[in-house]
Amino acid sequence: MSVDGVDTPVTTVSTYAPLRIGIVGLGYIGSYVGDQFNRHPDAEVVAVCDLDTDRLASVGNQFVVDDAHRYESYTAMLQDAPLDAVLVGTPHTLHYEQVVAALDRGLHVYCDKPLATDLEHARDLADRSEAGEEVLMVGYQRHLQTAFRTARERFVPESEDGTDPTWLTASITQGWIDDSAGTWRLDPDLSGGGFLYDTGSHVLDGVLWSTGLEPESVRASMDFHDDDQRIDRRAHLDVRFANGATGSFSFLGDAPAVREHIHVWDDEGAVYLEGKQWRSRRVFEIDTESGEYHPYIDPRDERSRADAFLESVLEGREPPATARDALAVTALTEAAYASARSGERIPVEI
C-alpha cells in the first residue's frame, strides 16, 4: 500500500511459496521496488545484478543475497540463478533486450518505465506479452493511484455510460536537468531521450490510461540541453485524438519544484488531477455551474508496485500497467521527438 505517495509493503501472512526475484540494475528503482519485494511475504530477492561492484555489495547485503548470486552480467544471472521473476531497473535503452531475455527463459517481468525507446521494440514486447503466459508489468504507478483510478471510472467505465473527453491540458515541472547531472539520464545512448522520456512518460501514460484516449497525431516543440538535440529540457505537445479531442502537454525539466496538473474536460464538466513532489495526486470534479466536488482520497488503500505485480502473477491477472499501455506511450513519445526535429505534425502509429 502507499502513504503520502510512498509505497510501503504489506504485512499479511503469505499463502504462497515466495516468488524468487532477481534484480537487474540496483539504482533507485532496483533498490526501492526491490525492497518492496524483499519485504513482501510472497516474494524473496534471491539474486542481484549491477555493473557497480560497490552498489552490488551494499544492496546485496541489504537484501541478504548470497555472494554466489551477485552478478555483474545479467545474462549470467538469468542462466545461473533460481528465478521465477525479474525486476528490470536499468537505463531505458537496455530494457528491451533484458526483458526479452527474461521472457525467453519463462520468467515474469516487472520493468521500469519506459518499456522501450524504440517503437518496433515496444510493439514486439506488447505482442510477446499477449501471446505468452508470463506477466509483463510496466512501472507506471499512476495506474495504482486512487486519483487516476477515479478519473478512469468517469471516462473508461466498465459499462457504456462513460463520457468522452473533449479537451485537456497536462503539465509537469521538475528540476530534472540539475537532478540528472553526472548520471546516465543525460546520456542519450542510455536514456533514449530527455525529460519527456523520463518523468514526462508518466504524465503521458496517466492521461492516456485514465481517459482511454487514442492519440492520432502530434505537433511538438522542444528546447534541447545538448547540441545534438537528443536530450530535451522542455517540451510542448499539441495532440489530436481519434475521437476528435485535443490536448496540450507541457514538460518543464529545469523548474525549481515538482508540480503536476492534469485537467480533462467533457460536456459535463471536468476532472482535475493535481499534485506536488511525488505524493499521491488529488482529484476533484467541476460541474457545468463551476461547482467543485472533492472526493476523499485515502492513500492507505493503494497497492504498492510489488503488491500489484505479485497479485498478477500469483492470481493469473492482467497487470495494472500492461505492455500495450506502454506501447501507446512510446508511440506518442517517438512521434513527438520526430515532430520537434522536423517542425511537422506527425501521425502517431500505434
Protein backbone atom coordinates (compact mmCIF):
# COMPACT_ATOMS: atom_id res chain seq x y z
CA MET A 1 0.00 0.00 0.00
CA SER A 2 1.02 3.67 -0.19
CA VAL A 3 1.04 6.54 2.31
CA ASP A 4 1.61 10.11 1.08
CA GLY A 5 2.61 8.68 -2.29
CA VAL A 6 5.33 6.46 -0.81
CA ASP A 7 4.84 2.77 -1.43
CA THR A 8 5.04 0.60 1.66
CA PRO A 9 4.93 -3.22 1.67
CA VAL A 10 2.02 -5.18 3.02
CA THR A 11 2.48 -7.28 6.14
CA THR A 12 -0.04 -10.07 5.59
CA VAL A 13 0.89 -13.70 6.01
CA SER A 14 1.68 -15.45 2.74
CA THR A 15 -0.32 -18.39 1.47
CA TYR A 16 2.09 -18.98 -1.45
CA ALA A 17 5.65 -20.17 -1.76
CA PRO A 18 7.67 -16.95 -2.15
CA LEU A 19 8.29 -15.86 -5.73
CA ARG A 20 12.03 -15.82 -6.35
CA ILE A 21 13.05 -12.42 -7.69
CA GLY A 22 16.22 -11.35 -9.49
CA ILE A 23 17.00 -7.65 -9.88
CA VAL A 24 18.85 -6.21 -12.88
CA GLY A 25 20.05 -2.68 -12.10
CA LEU A 26 20.41 -1.54 -8.48
CA GLY A 27 19.81 2.18 -8.83
CA TYR A 28 16.76 3.93 -7.41
CA ILE A 29 14.09 1.66 -8.92
CA GLY A 30 16.00 -1.56 -8.37
CA SER A 31 16.67 -0.69 -4.74
CA TYR A 32 13.29 0.92 -3.95
CA VAL A 33 10.91 -1.50 -5.66
CA GLY A 34 13.34 -4.31 -4.90
CA ASP A 35 12.95 -3.51 -1.20
CA GLN A 36 9.17 -3.82 -1.58
CA PHE A 37 9.67 -7.32 -2.98
CA ASN A 38 12.25 -8.21 -0.34
CA ARG A 39 9.86 -7.27 2.49
CA HIS A 40 6.80 -8.90 0.90
CA PRO A 41 5.65 -12.27 2.31
CA ASP A 42 5.02 -13.59 -1.21
CA ALA A 43 8.46 -12.76 -2.60
CA GLU A 44 12.16 -13.18 -1.93
CA VAL A 45 15.05 -11.41 -3.66
CA VAL A 46 17.50 -14.23 -4.41
CA ALA A 47 19.80 -12.60 -7.00
CA VAL A 48 21.04 -9.11 -7.86
CA CYS A 49 22.96 -7.70 -10.81
CA ASP A 50 24.79 -4.41 -11.38
CA LEU A 51 28.00 -3.21 -13.04
CA ASP A 52 28.85 -1.08 -9.98
CA THR A 53 30.58 -3.50 -7.61
CA ASP A 54 30.16 -1.23 -4.58
CA ARG A 55 26.44 -0.97 -5.18
CA LEU A 56 26.25 -4.70 -5.84
CA ALA A 57 27.82 -5.35 -2.45
CA SER A 58 25.73 -2.85 -0.48
CA VAL A 59 22.36 -3.83 -1.97
CA GLY A 60 23.30 -7.50 -1.87
CA ASN A 61 23.97 -7.12 1.84
CA GLN A 62 20.74 -5.16 2.35
CA PHE A 63 18.68 -7.91 0.72
CA VAL A 64 20.81 -10.71 2.26
CA VAL A 65 21.64 -12.23 -1.14
CA ASP A 66 24.27 -14.97 -1.23
CA ASP A 67 27.62 -13.88 -2.67
CA ALA A 68 27.27 -16.58 -5.33
CA HIS A 69 24.12 -14.88 -6.64
CA ARG A 70 25.54 -11.37 -7.03
CA TYR A 71 26.27 -10.77 -10.70
CA GLU A 72 27.85 -8.16 -12.95
CA SER A 73 26.27 -9.82 -16.01
CA TYR A 74 22.50 -10.13 -16.34
CA THR A 75 22.87 -12.99 -18.82
CA ALA A 76 24.88 -14.91 -16.23
CA MET A 77 22.21 -14.21 -13.62
CA LEU A 78 19.43 -15.46 -15.89
CA GLN A 79 21.37 -18.61 -16.72
CA ASP A 80 22.55 -19.44 -13.22
CA ALA A 81 20.17 -18.10 -10.55
CA PRO A 82 17.00 -19.97 -9.49
CA LEU A 83 14.40 -17.38 -10.53
CA ASP A 84 10.67 -17.02 -11.07
CA ALA A 85 10.66 -13.32 -11.98
CA VAL A 86 12.94 -10.39 -12.78
CA LEU A 87 12.81 -6.71 -11.89
CA VAL A 88 14.42 -4.62 -14.67
CA GLY A 89 15.58 -1.27 -13.32
CA THR A 90 18.33 -0.41 -15.80
CA PRO A 91 18.69 2.62 -18.12
CA HIS A 92 15.88 2.94 -20.64
CA THR A 93 17.60 1.75 -23.82
CA LEU A 94 18.64 -1.51 -22.17
CA HIS A 95 15.11 -2.58 -21.24
CA TYR A 96 14.18 -4.31 -24.48
CA GLU A 97 16.99 -6.87 -24.69
CA GLN A 98 16.81 -7.60 -20.97
CA VAL A 99 13.03 -8.07 -20.93
CA VAL A 100 13.21 -10.32 -24.00
CA ALA A 101 15.95 -12.41 -22.39
CA ALA A 102 13.87 -12.87 -19.23
CA LEU A 103 10.66 -13.71 -21.12
CA ASP A 104 12.56 -16.21 -23.28
CA ARG A 105 13.51 -18.05 -20.09
CA GLY A 106 9.87 -18.20 -18.98
CA LEU A 107 10.26 -15.56 -16.26
CA HIS A 108 7.73 -12.94 -15.21
CA VAL A 109 8.98 -9.37 -15.56
CA TYR A 110 8.44 -6.08 -13.78
CA CYS A 111 10.09 -3.40 -15.96
CA ASP A 112 10.55 0.23 -15.07
CA LYS A 113 9.19 2.81 -17.49
CA PRO A 114 9.51 3.44 -20.37
CA LEU A 115 9.21 -0.15 -21.51
CA ALA A 116 11.14 0.64 -24.70
CA THR A 117 12.57 3.65 -26.53
CA ASP A 118 12.11 2.15 -29.98
CA LEU A 119 8.64 1.78 -31.48
CA GLU A 120 9.28 -1.60 -33.09
CA HIS A 121 10.70 -2.89 -29.81
CA ALA A 122 7.62 -1.68 -27.96
CA ARG A 123 5.33 -3.40 -30.48
CA ASP A 124 7.29 -6.62 -30.19
CA LEU A 125 7.05 -6.63 -26.39
CA ALA A 126 3.32 -5.95 -26.50
CA ASP A 127 2.83 -8.86 -28.90
CA ARG A 128 5.08 -11.17 -26.88
CA SER A 129 3.29 -10.31 -23.66
CA GLU A 130 -0.15 -11.01 -25.09
CA ALA A 131 0.95 -14.25 -26.76
CA GLY A 132 2.75 -15.68 -23.72
CA GLU A 133 1.78 -16.75 -20.23
CA GLU A 134 4.36 -14.66 -18.39
CA VAL A 135 3.27 -11.44 -16.69
CA LEU A 136 4.96 -8.30 -18.02
CA MET A 137 4.14 -5.27 -15.87
CA VAL A 138 5.43 -1.77 -16.58
CA GLY A 139 6.31 0.70 -13.83
CA TYR A 140 3.55 3.24 -14.45
CA GLN A 141 2.40 3.57 -10.85
CA ARG A 142 -0.35 6.08 -11.58
CA HIS A 143 -2.46 3.05 -12.51
CA LEU A 144 -2.38 2.23 -8.79
CA GLN A 145 -3.19 5.71 -7.50
CA THR A 146 -6.76 6.35 -6.38
CA ALA A 147 -6.92 9.78 -8.05
CA PHE A 148 -6.16 8.39 -11.51
CA ARG A 149 -8.39 5.38 -10.98
CA THR A 150 -11.22 7.75 -10.03
CA ALA A 151 -10.74 9.67 -13.28
CA ARG A 152 -10.69 6.45 -15.28
CA GLU A 153 -14.04 5.41 -13.78
CA ARG A 154 -15.56 8.51 -15.37
CA PHE A 155 -14.02 8.15 -18.82
CA VAL A 156 -13.43 4.39 -19.15
CA PRO A 157 -16.15 2.72 -17.06
CA GLU A 158 -16.92 -0.98 -17.16
CA SER A 159 -20.37 -0.11 -18.51
CA GLU A 160 -21.06 2.05 -21.58
CA ASP A 161 -22.07 5.08 -19.50
CA GLY A 162 -18.76 6.95 -19.69
CA THR A 163 -18.25 10.40 -21.16
CA ASP A 164 -15.80 11.27 -23.93
CA PRO A 165 -13.13 13.86 -23.12
CA THR A 166 -13.17 16.82 -25.48
CA TRP A 167 -10.18 18.92 -24.36
CA LEU A 168 -7.34 18.58 -21.89
CA THR A 169 -4.21 20.22 -20.58
CA ALA A 170 -1.42 18.47 -18.71
CA SER A 171 1.89 19.67 -17.34
CA ILE A 172 4.68 18.66 -15.00
CA THR A 173 7.67 20.59 -13.70
CA GLN A 174 10.86 19.30 -12.10
CA GLY A 175 14.49 20.33 -11.64
CA TRP A 176 15.32 17.34 -13.79
CA ILE A 177 18.37 18.73 -15.59
CA ASP A 178 20.15 19.54 -12.34
CA ASP A 179 18.97 16.32 -10.69
CA SER A 180 20.32 14.28 -13.61
CA ALA A 181 23.76 15.89 -13.79
CA GLY A 182 26.51 13.27 -13.93
CA THR A 183 24.06 10.37 -14.44
CA TRP A 184 23.09 8.16 -17.37
CA ARG A 185 19.87 10.15 -17.77
CA LEU A 186 21.81 12.83 -19.69
CA ASP A 187 23.44 10.19 -21.92
CA PRO A 188 21.01 9.71 -24.82
CA ASP A 189 22.53 6.35 -25.73
CA LEU A 190 21.26 5.08 -22.38
CA SER A 191 18.22 7.30 -21.72
CA GLY A 192 16.82 7.33 -25.25
CA GLY A 193 15.84 10.99 -24.83
CA GLY A 194 15.37 13.66 -22.21
CA PHE A 195 12.75 14.88 -19.77
CA LEU A 196 9.87 13.71 -21.98
CA TYR A 197 11.12 10.11 -21.99
CA ASP A 198 11.77 10.17 -18.25
CA THR A 199 9.31 11.95 -15.92
CA GLY A 200 7.17 13.06 -18.86
CA SER A 201 6.46 9.43 -19.70
CA HIS A 202 4.41 9.13 -16.50
CA VAL A 203 2.22 12.08 -17.48
CA LEU A 204 1.56 10.81 -21.00
CA ASP A 205 0.68 7.40 -19.60
CA GLY A 206 -1.50 8.85 -16.83
CA VAL A 207 -3.54 10.83 -19.33
CA LEU A 208 -3.89 8.06 -21.91
CA TRP A 209 -4.79 5.40 -19.35
CA SER A 210 -7.22 7.44 -17.26
CA THR A 211 -9.08 8.85 -20.27
CA GLY A 212 -8.91 5.94 -22.72
CA LEU A 213 -7.99 8.42 -25.46
CA GLU A 214 -6.07 7.22 -28.53
CA PRO A 215 -3.51 9.74 -29.84
CA GLU A 216 -3.80 10.29 -33.58
CA SER A 217 -1.16 12.96 -34.32
CA VAL A 218 1.18 15.38 -32.56
CA ARG A 219 2.97 18.63 -33.25
CA ALA A 220 5.78 19.30 -30.78
CA SER A 221 8.41 21.89 -29.98
CA MET A 222 11.36 21.30 -27.68
CA ASP A 223 14.27 23.14 -26.07
CA PHE A 224 17.27 20.81 -26.02
CA HIS A 225 20.01 20.53 -23.43
CA ASP A 226 22.57 19.15 -25.89
CA ASP A 227 23.87 20.29 -29.28
CA ASP A 228 22.78 17.02 -30.92
CA GLN A 229 19.16 17.71 -29.92
CA ARG A 230 18.60 14.40 -28.20
CA ILE A 231 18.09 15.49 -24.56
CA ASP A 232 15.06 17.76 -24.20
CA ARG A 233 14.81 20.02 -21.17
CA ARG A 234 11.44 21.49 -22.17
CA ALA A 235 8.74 20.06 -24.43
CA HIS A 236 5.35 21.25 -25.62
CA LEU A 237 2.95 18.84 -27.36
CA ASP A 238 -0.26 19.60 -29.25
CA VAL A 239 -2.04 16.25 -29.56
CA ARG A 240 -5.11 15.32 -31.58
CA PHE A 241 -7.03 12.22 -30.53
CA ALA A 242 -9.07 9.73 -32.54
CA ASN A 243 -12.39 10.85 -31.02
CA GLY A 244 -11.78 14.49 -32.05
CA ALA A 245 -10.50 15.67 -28.66
CA THR A 246 -7.40 17.84 -28.45
CA GLY A 247 -4.78 18.12 -25.74
CA SER A 248 -1.90 20.36 -24.78
CA PHE A 249 1.05 18.94 -22.80
CA SER A 250 3.92 20.91 -21.26
CA PHE A 251 7.04 19.42 -19.69
CA LEU A 252 9.46 21.75 -17.92
CA GLY A 253 12.62 19.95 -16.80
CA ASP A 254 14.52 22.92 -15.40
CA ALA A 255 11.97 24.17 -12.87
CA PRO A 256 12.58 24.80 -9.14
CA ALA A 257 9.88 22.42 -7.86
CA VAL A 258 7.79 19.38 -8.82
CA ARG A 259 4.17 20.14 -9.68
CA GLU A 260 1.72 18.15 -11.80
CA HIS A 261 -1.56 19.39 -13.28
CA ILE A 262 -3.97 17.41 -15.48
CA HIS A 263 -7.31 18.97 -16.46
CA VAL A 264 -9.69 16.88 -18.58
CA TRP A 265 -12.94 18.42 -19.86
CA ASP A 266 -16.04 16.79 -21.28
CA ASP A 267 -19.59 18.01 -21.94
CA GLU A 268 -20.50 17.59 -18.26
CA GLY A 269 -17.58 19.49 -16.74
CA ALA A 270 -14.06 18.43 -15.88
CA VAL A 271 -11.80 16.23 -13.79
CA TYR A 272 -8.73 17.90 -12.27
CA LEU A 273 -5.72 15.92 -11.05
CA GLU A 274 -3.21 17.94 -9.07
CA GLY A 275 -0.13 17.16 -7.03
CA LYS A 276 3.28 18.20 -5.78
CA GLN A 277 6.55 16.36 -5.41
CA TRP A 278 5.95 12.60 -5.60
CA ARG A 279 2.96 12.35 -3.28
CA SER A 280 -0.34 10.83 -4.33
CA ARG A 281 -2.33 13.19 -6.54
CA ARG A 282 -5.56 14.92 -5.52
CA VAL A 283 -8.64 14.64 -7.72
CA PHE A 284 -11.73 16.83 -7.92
CA GLU A 285 -14.59 17.31 -10.34
CA ILE A 286 -16.06 20.51 -11.78
CA ASP A 287 -19.70 20.64 -12.87
CA THR A 288 -21.41 22.78 -15.51
CA GLU A 289 -22.08 25.51 -12.91
CA SER A 290 -18.36 25.65 -11.98
CA GLY A 291 -19.08 23.93 -8.67
CA GLU A 292 -16.40 21.65 -7.28
CA TYR A 293 -16.65 18.19 -5.72
CA HIS A 294 -13.65 16.86 -3.80
CA PRO A 295 -13.91 13.12 -3.08
CA TYR A 296 -11.93 11.82 -0.12
CA ILE A 297 -8.78 10.02 -1.20
CA ASP A 298 -7.29 7.56 1.27
CA PRO A 299 -3.81 6.62 0.02
CA ARG A 300 -3.63 3.78 2.55
CA ASP A 301 -5.89 1.76 0.24
CA GLU A 302 -3.41 1.95 -2.63
CA ARG A 303 -1.31 -1.07 -3.51
CA SER A 304 2.46 -0.88 -3.90
CA ARG A 305 4.05 -1.85 -7.17
CA ALA A 306 5.23 -5.12 -5.63
CA ASP A 307 1.70 -5.84 -4.36
CA ALA A 308 0.23 -5.37 -7.82
CA PHE A 309 2.86 -7.40 -9.65
CA LEU A 310 2.70 -10.33 -7.25
CA GLU A 311 -1.10 -10.40 -7.32
CA SER A 312 -0.97 -10.52 -11.13
CA VAL A 313 1.49 -13.42 -11.13
CA LEU A 314 0.02 -15.47 -8.29
CA GLU A 315 -3.63 -14.97 -9.23
CA GLY A 316 -3.23 -15.04 -13.02
CA ARG A 317 -4.48 -11.47 -13.55
CA GLU A 318 -3.56 -8.93 -16.19
CA PRO A 319 -1.18 -6.42 -14.58
CA PRO A 320 -2.42 -2.87 -13.92
CA ALA A 321 0.05 -1.38 -16.43
CA THR A 322 0.50 -3.57 -19.49
CA ALA A 323 2.94 -3.62 -22.38
CA ARG A 324 0.08 -2.46 -24.61
CA ASP A 325 -0.35 0.60 -22.37
CA ALA A 326 3.38 1.26 -22.65
CA LEU A 327 3.30 0.89 -26.43
CA ALA A 328 0.91 3.84 -26.72
CA VAL A 329 3.27 6.00 -24.65
CA THR A 330 6.31 5.05 -26.73
CA ALA A 331 4.41 5.70 -29.98
CA LEU A 332 3.35 9.19 -28.86
CA THR A 333 6.81 9.99 -27.45
CA GLU A 334 8.66 8.93 -30.58
CA ALA A 335 6.25 10.92 -32.76
CA ALA A 336 6.77 13.98 -30.55
CA TYR A 337 10.56 13.83 -30.98
CA ALA A 338 10.16 13.42 -34.74
CA SER A 339 7.83 16.42 -34.85
CA ALA A 340 10.13 18.64 -32.76
CA ARG A 341 13.08 17.91 -35.06
CA SER A 342 11.16 18.23 -38.33
CA GLY A 343 8.71 21.03 -37.49
CA GLU A 344 5.88 18.91 -38.93
CA ARG A 345 2.75 17.36 -37.42
CA ILE A 346 3.48 13.64 -37.15
CA PRO A 347 0.96 10.78 -37.06
CA VAL A 348 1.08 8.52 -34.00
CA GLU A 349 1.29 4.96 -35.26
CA ILE A 350 0.38 2.50 -32.53
